[in-house]
Amino acid sequence: MRTLLFAACAAAVAVTASAAPKDKAKTPPAPAAKPAAPAAPSAPGPADWRTPDPNNVLVIDTNKGRIVLEMIPEVAPQHVAQIRALAHENFYDGLKFFRVIDKFMDQTGDPQNNGQGGSSKPNVPAEFTFRRGADLPFAMAADQTVAEIGFIKSMPVESQSMALSVMTKDQKVTAWGLYCPGVAGMARDDNPDSGNSQFFLMRYAYPSLERKYTAWGRVISGQDVVRAIKAGEPVEQPQDYMEHVRLLADLPEATRPKVRVIDTKGPWFKGEIDRVRAAKGADFTACDVDIPVEVK
């Protein structure tokens, strides 16, 4: 079965009056003003957007609405290739969301609609982590000295510090996807290398899945649809399903939606990260940063 494993009080100090003549009361100094939070960046200009590769965009039409998902082969190339091949074959059409847990995820991709099945293709080896080199575009969100958090395209990721790359044979460091809302992961059983066709879409953040399940893409439009799928473990008489799952590149030109996403390597997005990080303070995570998208 391919399923997801998973008051103190301050002490008062007494102050007694001196016998000396009283001086005129002094006004205590005003507290130092907090630094102003960065202003929200102005509207992004044409150069702040990128057009994703249509061969790496899944258009998932469900009975609840459309989900547009960007696959990230830089993070999980073998899983992306498997999903892409299954979408080419229309494998996912009609499959139901059979296991849906509110505040967690929606699971689908099983032709038996019960967690027991898969495709005729071989299983895919685990890609829980990947190797990040200096040549891989990475938008820094937080430098934690020993670790770096940021984005590769629309995927939030964490990695070892690139400063460690000089000590590795391949001049790269280990990195992994972060399970923020919208991230797509591969379902599996106890065998780490048992991913096949079943996958799940995150309704909310769930960090405990990181480095245990392969993250291979992220919803860039339609997160409201992800959260509208009927919940249940398993779903009682599941009715919500994927009507059609197609690669954007496979859709006829006349009906193909035009998709563009904010470039996470650009200056506009850097300003947005700075603004959100200042507002959240110590509670900041990469999951707090929204990535604007336009689908027409």
Protein backbone atom coordinates (compact mmCIF):
# COMPACT_ATOMS: atom_id res chain seq x y z
CA MET A 1 0.00 0.00 0.00
CA ARG A 2 1.44 3.32 -1.01
CA THR A 3 0.44 5.69 1.74
CA LEU A 4 1.96 8.43 3.82
CA LEU A 5 3.89 7.15 6.87
CA PHE A 6 3.78 9.38 9.25
CA ALA A 7 4.23 31.37 33.98
CA ALA A 8 6.64 33.53 35.45
CA CYS A 9 6.42 36.70 37.49
CA ALA A 10 8.96 39.52 37.44
CA ALA A 11 10.48 40.43 40.84
CA ALA A 12 9.69 43.96 42.06
CA VAL A 13 12.62 46.13 43.13
CA ALA A 14 11.89 48.57 46.01
CA VAL A 15 13.27 52.08 45.64
CA THR A 16 13.41 54.31 48.78
CA ALA A 17 13.46 58.12 48.76
CA SER A 18 16.72 59.86 49.62
CA ALA A 19 16.97 62.34 52.47
CA ALA A 20 18.62 64.80 50.13
CA PRO A 21 16.52 67.59 48.61
CA LYS A 22 14.39 66.38 45.77
CA ASP A 23 15.41 67.39 42.28
CA LYS A 24 12.89 68.22 39.65
CA ALA A 25 11.58 64.98 38.18
CA LYS A 26 13.33 64.00 35.01
CA THR A 27 11.47 62.73 31.98
CA PRO A 28 12.76 59.29 31.02
CA PRO A 29 14.25 59.09 27.55
CA ALA A 30 11.93 57.92 24.82
CA PRO A 31 12.49 54.34 23.69
CA ALA A 32 14.44 53.92 20.49
CA ALA A 33 12.17 53.70 17.49
CA LYS A 34 11.98 50.32 15.81
CA PRO A 35 13.36 50.21 12.28
CA ALA A 36 10.59 50.66 9.76
CA ALA A 37 9.60 47.52 7.93
CA PRO A 38 10.48 47.58 4.23
CA ALA A 39 7.67 48.95 2.14
CA ALA A 40 5.83 46.58 -0.11
CA PRO A 41 7.57 46.51 -3.49
CA SER A 42 5.83 48.27 -6.32
CA ALA A 43 3.96 46.24 -8.89
CA PRO A 44 6.30 43.91 -10.79
CA GLY A 45 7.35 45.01 -14.24
CA PRO A 46 7.68 42.88 -17.39
CA ALA A 47 11.25 41.85 -16.52
CA ASP A 48 10.16 40.47 -13.13
CA TRP A 49 8.18 37.59 -14.68
CA ARG A 50 9.25 34.32 -16.26
CA THR A 51 7.39 31.90 -18.50
CA PRO A 52 7.72 28.32 -17.23
CA ASP A 53 8.63 25.53 -19.62
CA PRO A 54 5.27 24.15 -20.86
CA ASN A 55 6.73 20.64 -20.68
CA ASN A 56 7.12 21.12 -16.93
CA VAL A 57 3.62 22.47 -16.23
CA LEU A 58 0.72 20.16 -15.36
CA VAL A 59 -2.80 21.41 -15.93
CA ILE A 60 -5.05 19.39 -13.61
CA ASP A 61 -8.74 19.95 -14.28
CA THR A 62 -10.82 18.63 -11.37
CA ASN A 63 -14.53 18.66 -10.66
CA LYS A 64 -13.78 21.47 -8.18
CA GLY A 65 -11.76 23.62 -10.57
CA ARG A 66 -8.36 23.93 -12.23
CA ILE A 67 -4.97 23.37 -10.61
CA VAL A 68 -1.81 24.50 -12.38
CA LEU A 69 1.34 22.82 -11.08
CA GLU A 70 4.96 23.51 -11.98
CA MET A 71 7.22 20.47 -11.96
CA ILE A 72 10.85 21.10 -10.94
CA PRO A 73 13.21 18.61 -12.63
CA GLU A 74 16.22 20.26 -10.96
CA VAL A 75 14.95 18.87 -7.65
CA ALA A 76 13.60 15.44 -8.66
CA PRO A 77 14.38 14.63 -12.32
CA GLN A 78 13.31 10.97 -12.30
CA HIS A 79 9.99 11.67 -10.62
CA VAL A 80 9.22 14.53 -13.00
CA ALA A 81 10.00 12.24 -15.94
CA GLN A 82 7.62 9.60 -14.54
CA ILE A 83 4.76 12.06 -13.97
CA ARG A 84 5.33 13.63 -17.39
CA ALA A 85 5.19 10.23 -19.10
CA LEU A 86 1.99 9.25 -17.27
CA ALA A 87 0.36 12.56 -18.17
CA HIS A 88 1.29 12.00 -21.85
CA GLU A 89 -0.64 8.71 -21.64
CA ASN A 90 -3.71 10.34 -20.00
CA PHE A 91 -3.12 7.91 -17.10
CA TYR A 92 -4.52 10.27 -14.46
CA ASP A 93 -7.81 11.11 -16.15
CA GLY A 94 -10.76 10.19 -13.93
CA LEU A 95 -8.72 9.20 -10.86
CA LYS A 96 -10.15 10.23 -7.51
CA PHE A 97 -8.79 11.95 -4.45
CA PHE A 98 -9.22 8.95 -2.17
CA ARG A 99 -7.27 10.06 0.91
CA VAL A 100 -7.61 13.69 1.96
CA ILE A 101 -6.61 15.02 5.37
CA ASP A 102 -7.54 18.59 6.26
CA LYS A 103 -4.59 20.72 7.39
CA PHE A 104 -2.38 18.17 5.60
CA MET A 105 -2.71 16.88 2.01
CA ASP A 106 -4.81 15.43 -0.87
CA GLN A 107 -3.70 12.04 -2.23
CA THR A 108 -4.56 10.71 -5.69
CA GLY A 109 -3.01 8.96 -8.69
CA ASP A 110 -4.15 5.38 -7.96
CA PRO A 111 -6.20 3.59 -10.67
CA GLN A 112 -7.79 1.52 -7.87
CA ASN A 113 -8.66 4.70 -5.91
CA ASN A 114 -7.77 3.06 -2.60
CA GLY A 115 -4.00 3.37 -2.17
CA GLN A 116 -3.23 -0.16 -3.36
CA GLY A 117 -2.47 0.42 -7.03
CA GLY A 118 -0.07 2.03 -9.45
CA SER A 119 0.94 2.15 -13.09
CA SER A 120 2.65 -0.53 -15.18
CA LYS A 121 5.86 1.53 -15.16
CA PRO A 122 8.76 0.63 -12.87
CA ASN A 123 8.95 2.31 -9.49
CA VAL A 124 11.13 5.39 -9.18
CA PRO A 125 14.12 5.54 -6.80
CA ALA A 126 13.80 8.02 -3.94
CA GLU A 127 14.89 11.58 -4.59
CA PHE A 128 14.43 12.89 -1.07
CA THR A 129 17.47 15.14 -1.52
CA PHE A 130 19.44 16.48 -4.48
CA ARG A 131 22.82 18.03 -5.10
CA ARG A 132 22.90 21.80 -5.40
CA GLY A 133 25.79 23.45 -7.22
CA ALA A 134 26.72 27.08 -7.68
CA ASP A 135 25.36 26.93 -11.24
CA LEU A 136 21.81 26.12 -10.06
CA PRO A 137 19.72 29.35 -9.85
CA PHE A 138 18.83 29.86 -6.20
CA ALA A 139 17.00 32.80 -4.61
CA MET A 140 18.19 33.22 -1.02
CA ALA A 141 15.50 33.80 1.60
CA ALA A 142 17.50 33.15 4.77
CA ASP A 143 21.19 32.46 5.39
CA GLN A 144 21.51 30.47 8.60
CA THR A 145 25.31 30.11 8.30
CA VAL A 146 25.31 26.31 8.21
CA ALA A 147 22.17 26.15 6.06
CA GLU A 148 20.56 28.25 3.33
CA ILE A 149 16.84 28.55 2.67
CA GLY A 150 15.43 29.86 -0.57
CA PHE A 151 13.74 29.03 -3.85
CA ILE A 152 14.54 27.15 -7.03
CA LYS A 153 11.90 28.46 -9.39
CA SER A 154 8.64 28.05 -7.42
CA MET A 155 9.98 25.32 -5.11
CA PRO A 156 11.01 26.31 -1.56
CA VAL A 157 14.21 24.49 -0.65
CA GLU A 158 16.78 24.18 2.11
CA SER A 159 20.40 23.20 1.65
CA GLN A 160 23.70 23.01 3.38
CA SER A 161 25.70 26.23 3.11
CA MET A 162 27.38 26.61 -0.26
CA ALA A 163 30.53 27.45 1.71
CA LEU A 164 30.85 23.69 2.27
CA SER A 165 30.97 22.97 -1.47
CA VAL A 166 34.75 23.52 -1.58
CA MET A 167 35.11 20.42 0.62
CA THR A 168 32.99 18.07 -1.52
CA LYS A 169 34.15 15.98 -4.47
CA ASP A 170 31.45 17.33 -6.82
CA GLN A 171 31.67 20.91 -5.51
CA LYS A 172 28.00 20.69 -4.52
CA VAL A 173 25.96 20.47 -1.30
CA THR A 174 22.92 18.48 -0.24
CA ALA A 175 19.51 20.17 -0.62
CA TRP A 176 15.86 19.17 -0.30
CA GLY A 177 12.38 20.51 -0.97
CA LEU A 178 10.37 22.10 1.83
CA TYR A 179 6.80 20.90 2.30
CA CYS A 180 5.04 24.25 2.11
CA PRO A 181 1.40 24.64 0.96
CA GLY A 182 0.98 23.53 -2.65
CA VAL A 183 4.10 21.37 -2.81
CA ALA A 184 3.59 18.08 -4.66
CA GLY A 185 5.12 14.94 -3.17
CA MET A 186 5.32 11.30 -4.24
CA ALA A 187 3.45 8.73 -2.15
CA ARG A 188 5.24 5.49 -1.30
CA ASP A 189 5.13 2.51 1.04
CA ASP A 190 7.79 1.45 3.57
CA ASN A 191 10.30 1.02 0.76
CA PRO A 192 11.85 4.43 0.00
CA ASP A 193 12.16 3.46 -3.67
CA SER A 194 8.48 2.56 -4.17
CA GLY A 195 7.15 5.76 -5.74
CA ASN A 196 5.17 4.98 -8.88
CA SER A 197 2.06 6.99 -9.82
CA GLN A 198 0.40 8.11 -6.61
CA PHE A 199 1.12 11.64 -5.43
CA PHE A 200 -0.20 14.18 -2.98
CA LEU A 201 -0.71 17.95 -2.90
CA MET A 202 -0.11 19.83 0.34
CA ARG A 203 -3.07 21.69 1.76
CA TYR A 204 -0.86 23.29 4.42
CA ALA A 205 2.78 23.16 5.50
CA TYR A 206 4.01 19.89 7.00
CA PRO A 207 7.77 19.97 7.65
CA SER A 208 7.98 16.44 9.06
CA LEU A 209 7.75 15.04 5.49
CA GLU A 210 11.00 16.70 4.45
CA ARG A 211 13.79 14.31 3.41
CA LYS A 212 11.34 11.41 3.80
CA TYR A 213 9.18 11.91 0.69
CA THR A 214 10.23 13.18 -2.72
CA ALA A 215 9.04 16.73 -3.46
CA TRP A 216 8.83 17.19 -7.24
CA GLY A 217 6.69 20.27 -7.95
CA ARG A 218 4.40 22.94 -6.59
CA VAL A 219 0.92 24.29 -7.27
CA ILE A 220 1.30 27.80 -8.67
CA SER A 221 -2.42 28.39 -9.27
CA GLY A 222 -5.47 26.71 -7.75
CA GLN A 223 -4.45 26.24 -4.11
CA ASP A 224 -8.06 27.10 -3.24
CA VAL A 225 -9.10 24.07 -5.29
CA VAL A 226 -6.62 21.86 -3.41
CA ARG A 227 -8.24 22.90 -0.14
CA ALA A 228 -11.77 22.45 -1.50
CA ILE A 229 -11.36 18.70 -2.09
CA LYS A 230 -13.56 16.66 0.27
CA ALA A 231 -11.59 15.38 3.26
CA GLY A 232 -11.57 11.87 4.71
CA GLU A 233 -9.08 9.14 5.60
CA PRO A 234 -10.13 7.38 3.48
CA VAL A 235 -12.70 9.65 1.85
CA GLU A 236 -16.15 8.11 2.24
CA GLN A 237 -17.45 7.45 -1.28
CA PRO A 238 -14.91 9.82 -2.87
CA GLN A 239 -16.54 12.07 -5.43
CA ASP A 240 -13.77 14.60 -6.11
CA TYR A 241 -11.54 13.56 -8.99
CA MET A 242 -9.17 14.68 -11.73
CA GLU A 243 -11.14 15.04 -14.93
CA HIS A 244 -8.09 15.62 -17.14
CA VAL A 245 -4.38 15.93 -16.43
CA ARG A 246 -2.32 17.33 -19.30
CA LEU A 247 1.05 18.89 -19.83
CA LEU A 248 0.65 22.52 -20.83
CA ALA A 249 2.70 21.72 -23.94
CA ASP A 250 0.19 19.04 -24.97
CA LEU A 251 -2.86 21.30 -24.91
CA PRO A 252 -4.07 22.71 -28.24
CA GLU A 253 -2.74 26.20 -28.83
CA ALA A 254 -6.28 27.62 -29.02
CA THR A 255 -7.19 26.40 -25.51
CA ARG A 256 -3.77 26.53 -23.88
CA PRO A 257 -3.72 28.94 -20.91
CA LYS A 258 -0.97 31.52 -20.87
CA VAL A 259 1.04 31.15 -17.66
CA ARG A 260 3.68 33.40 -16.19
CA VAL A 261 5.23 33.34 -12.74
CA ILE A 262 7.29 35.84 -10.78
CA ASP A 263 10.99 35.16 -11.29
CA THR A 264 12.25 34.24 -7.82
CA LYS A 265 15.78 35.24 -8.89
CA GLY A 266 14.70 38.78 -9.76
CA PRO A 267 14.92 42.00 -7.71
CA TRP A 268 11.15 42.30 -7.22
CA PHE A 269 10.98 38.96 -5.44
CA LYS A 270 14.03 39.78 -3.32
CA GLY A 271 12.20 42.89 -2.12
CA GLU A 272 9.14 40.82 -1.31
CA ILE A 273 11.23 38.35 0.71
CA ASP A 274 12.76 41.24 2.68
CA ARG A 275 9.32 42.68 3.39
CA VAL A 276 7.83 39.40 4.59
CA ARG A 277 10.89 38.50 6.66
CA ALA A 278 10.77 41.89 8.42
CA ALA A 279 7.05 41.48 9.15
CA LYS A 280 7.37 37.91 10.48
CA GLY A 281 10.57 38.38 12.44
CA ALA A 282 11.86 35.23 14.13
CA ASP A 283 8.80 33.28 12.93
CA PHE A 284 9.73 33.73 9.25
CA THR A 285 9.79 30.67 6.99
CA ALA A 286 9.96 30.28 3.22
CA CYS A 287 6.34 29.12 3.33
CA ASP A 288 5.31 32.68 4.29
CA VAL A 289 6.33 34.08 0.90
CA ASP A 290 3.72 33.98 -1.86
CA ILE A 291 4.85 33.73 -5.48
CA PRO A 292 2.55 35.74 -7.77
CA VAL A 293 1.32 34.01 -10.92
CA GLU A 294 -0.89 34.98 -13.84
CA VAL A 295 -2.95 32.42 -15.73
CA LYS A 296 -5.00 33.72 -18.65
